[in-house]
C-alpha atoms as a PDB file:
ATOM      1  CA  UNK A   1      -3.918 -23.393 -14.836  1.00  0.00           C
ATOM      2  CA  UNK A   2      -1.980 -20.239 -14.077  1.00  0.00           C
ATOM      3  CA  UNK A   3      -1.926 -17.584 -11.383  1.00  0.00           C
ATOM      4  CA  UNK A   4      -1.887 -13.801 -11.628  1.00  0.00           C
ATOM      5  CA  UNK A   5      -0.780 -11.776  -8.609  1.00  0.00           C
ATOM      6  CA  UNK A   6      -2.046  -8.206  -8.685  1.00  0.00           C
ATOM      7  CA  UNK A   7      -0.688  -5.163  -6.882  1.00  0.00           C
ATOM      8  CA  UNK A   8      -3.634  -2.818  -6.479  1.00  0.00           C
ATOM      9  CA  UNK A   9      -3.112   0.860  -7.349  1.00  0.00           C
ATOM     10  CA  UNK A  10      -0.883   2.476  -4.741  1.00  0.00           C
ATOM     11  CA  UNK A  11       0.314  -0.880  -3.366  1.00  0.00           C
ATOM     12  CA  UNK A  12       3.485  -2.861  -4.026  1.00  0.00           C
ATOM     13  CA  UNK A  13       5.138  -1.903  -7.294  1.00  0.00           C
ATOM     14  CA  UNK A  14       2.008  -0.449  -8.901  1.00  0.00           C
ATOM     15  CA  UNK A  15       1.556   3.178  -9.848  1.00  0.00           C
ATOM     16  CA  UNK A  16      -0.371   5.554  -7.660  1.00  0.00           C
ATOM     17  CA  UNK A  17      -3.739   6.942  -8.687  1.00  0.00           C
ATOM     18  CA  UNK A  18      -3.799  10.482 -10.080  1.00  0.00           C
ATOM     19  CA  UNK A  19      -4.233  13.329  -7.586  1.00  0.00           C
ATOM     20  CA  UNK A  20      -7.857  13.792  -6.552  1.00  0.00           C
ATOM     21  CA  UNK A  21      -8.843  10.133  -6.946  1.00  0.00           C
ATOM     22  CA  UNK A  22      -9.385   8.386  -3.625  1.00  0.00           C
ATOM     23  CA  UNK A  23      -8.306   4.872  -2.736  1.00  0.00           C
ATOM     24  CA  UNK A  24     -11.707   3.312  -2.174  1.00  0.00           C
ATOM     25  CA  UNK A  25     -13.196  -0.144  -2.505  1.00  0.00           C
ATOM     26  CA  UNK A  26     -15.002   1.067  -5.631  1.00  0.00           C
ATOM     27  CA  UNK A  27     -11.725   2.124  -7.286  1.00  0.00           C
ATOM     28  CA  UNK A  28     -10.104  -1.188  -6.362  1.00  0.00           C
ATOM     29  CA  UNK A  29     -13.080  -3.172  -7.682  1.00  0.00           C
ATOM     30  CA  UNK A  30     -12.896  -1.224 -10.939  1.00  0.00           C
ATOM     31  CA  UNK A  31      -9.178  -2.045 -11.197  1.00  0.00           C
ATOM     32  CA  UNK A  32      -9.898  -5.752 -10.667  1.00  0.00           C
ATOM     33  CA  UNK A  33     -12.687  -5.602 -13.244  1.00  0.00           C
ATOM     34  CA  UNK A  34     -10.387  -3.970 -15.812  1.00  0.00           C
ATOM     35  CA  UNK A  35      -7.751  -6.668 -15.274  1.00  0.00           C
ATOM     36  CA  UNK A  36     -10.296  -9.469 -15.703  1.00  0.00           C
ATOM     37  CA  UNK A  37     -11.679  -7.920 -18.877  1.00  0.00           C
ATOM     38  CA  UNK A  38      -8.159  -7.330 -20.243  1.00  0.00           C
ATOM     39  CA  UNK A  39      -7.272 -10.990 -19.654  1.00  0.00           C
ATOM     40  CA  UNK A  40     -10.632 -12.034 -21.203  1.00  0.00           C
ATOM     41  CA  UNK A  41     -11.495 -14.339 -18.314  1.00  0.00           C
ATOM     42  CA  UNK A  42     -15.035 -15.655 -18.178  1.00  0.00           C
ATOM     43  CA  UNK A  43     -14.673 -17.891 -15.071  1.00  0.00           C
ATOM     44  CA  UNK A  44     -11.943 -17.712 -12.448  1.00  0.00           C
ATOM     45  CA  UNK A  45     -11.139 -18.095  -8.755  1.00  0.00           C
ATOM     46  CA  UNK A  46     -10.080 -15.302  -6.406  1.00  0.00           C
ATOM     47  CA  UNK A  47      -7.640 -15.572  -3.521  1.00  0.00           C
ATOM     48  CA  UNK A  48      -6.864 -12.733  -1.167  1.00  0.00           C
ATOM     49  CA  UNK A  49      -5.683 -11.829   2.308  1.00  0.00           C
ATOM     50  CA  UNK A  50      -6.930  -8.899   4.374  1.00  0.00           C
ATOM     51  CA  UNK A  51      -7.944  -6.181   1.866  1.00  0.00           C
ATOM     52  CA  UNK A  52      -7.713  -8.684  -1.004  1.00  0.00           C
ATOM     53  CA  UNK A  53     -10.080 -11.081   0.757  1.00  0.00           C
ATOM     54  CA  UNK A  54     -12.629  -8.322   1.311  1.00  0.00           C
ATOM     55  CA  UNK A  55     -12.395  -7.243  -2.315  1.00  0.00           C
ATOM     56  CA  UNK A  56     -12.707 -10.865  -3.460  1.00  0.00           C
ATOM     57  CA  UNK A  57     -15.888 -11.257  -1.429  1.00  0.00           C
ATOM     58  CA  UNK A  58     -17.333  -8.004  -2.790  1.00  0.00           C
ATOM     59  CA  UNK A  59     -16.453  -8.896  -6.373  1.00  0.00           C
ATOM     60  CA  UNK A  60     -18.004 -12.342  -5.938  1.00  0.00           C
ATOM     61  CA  UNK A  61     -21.181 -10.760  -4.627  1.00  0.00           C
ATOM     62  CA  UNK A  62     -21.435  -8.367  -7.556  1.00  0.00           C
ATOM     63  CA  UNK A  63     -20.429 -10.863 -10.275  1.00  0.00           C
ATOM     64  CA  UNK A  64     -21.305 -14.306  -8.825  1.00  0.00           C
ATOM     65  CA  UNK A  65     -21.580 -16.035 -12.219  1.00  0.00           C
ATOM     66  CA  UNK A  66     -17.952 -15.183 -13.074  1.00  0.00           C
ATOM     67  CA  UNK A  67     -16.313 -16.484  -9.904  1.00  0.00           C
ATOM     68  CA  UNK A  68     -15.704 -20.205  -9.415  1.00  0.00           C
ATOM     69  CA  UNK A  69     -14.340 -19.855  -5.877  1.00  0.00           C
ATOM     70  CA  UNK A  70     -13.145 -17.129  -3.581  1.00  0.00           C
END
């Protein structure tokens, strides 16, 4: 088992989004989706606090067969 901690775009040490692209739940969900596909994960658990918890719940609702726990 291993853990991956993600800084969403515009947060922590991550890069900002290009001008004209808004920081929305959709953009964040797309970023999470890209990370999961890049890592080739088929099943995983999500952990989050505040914004991360909300995004975890949304992702789990959209892709319930991929998420073990959130």
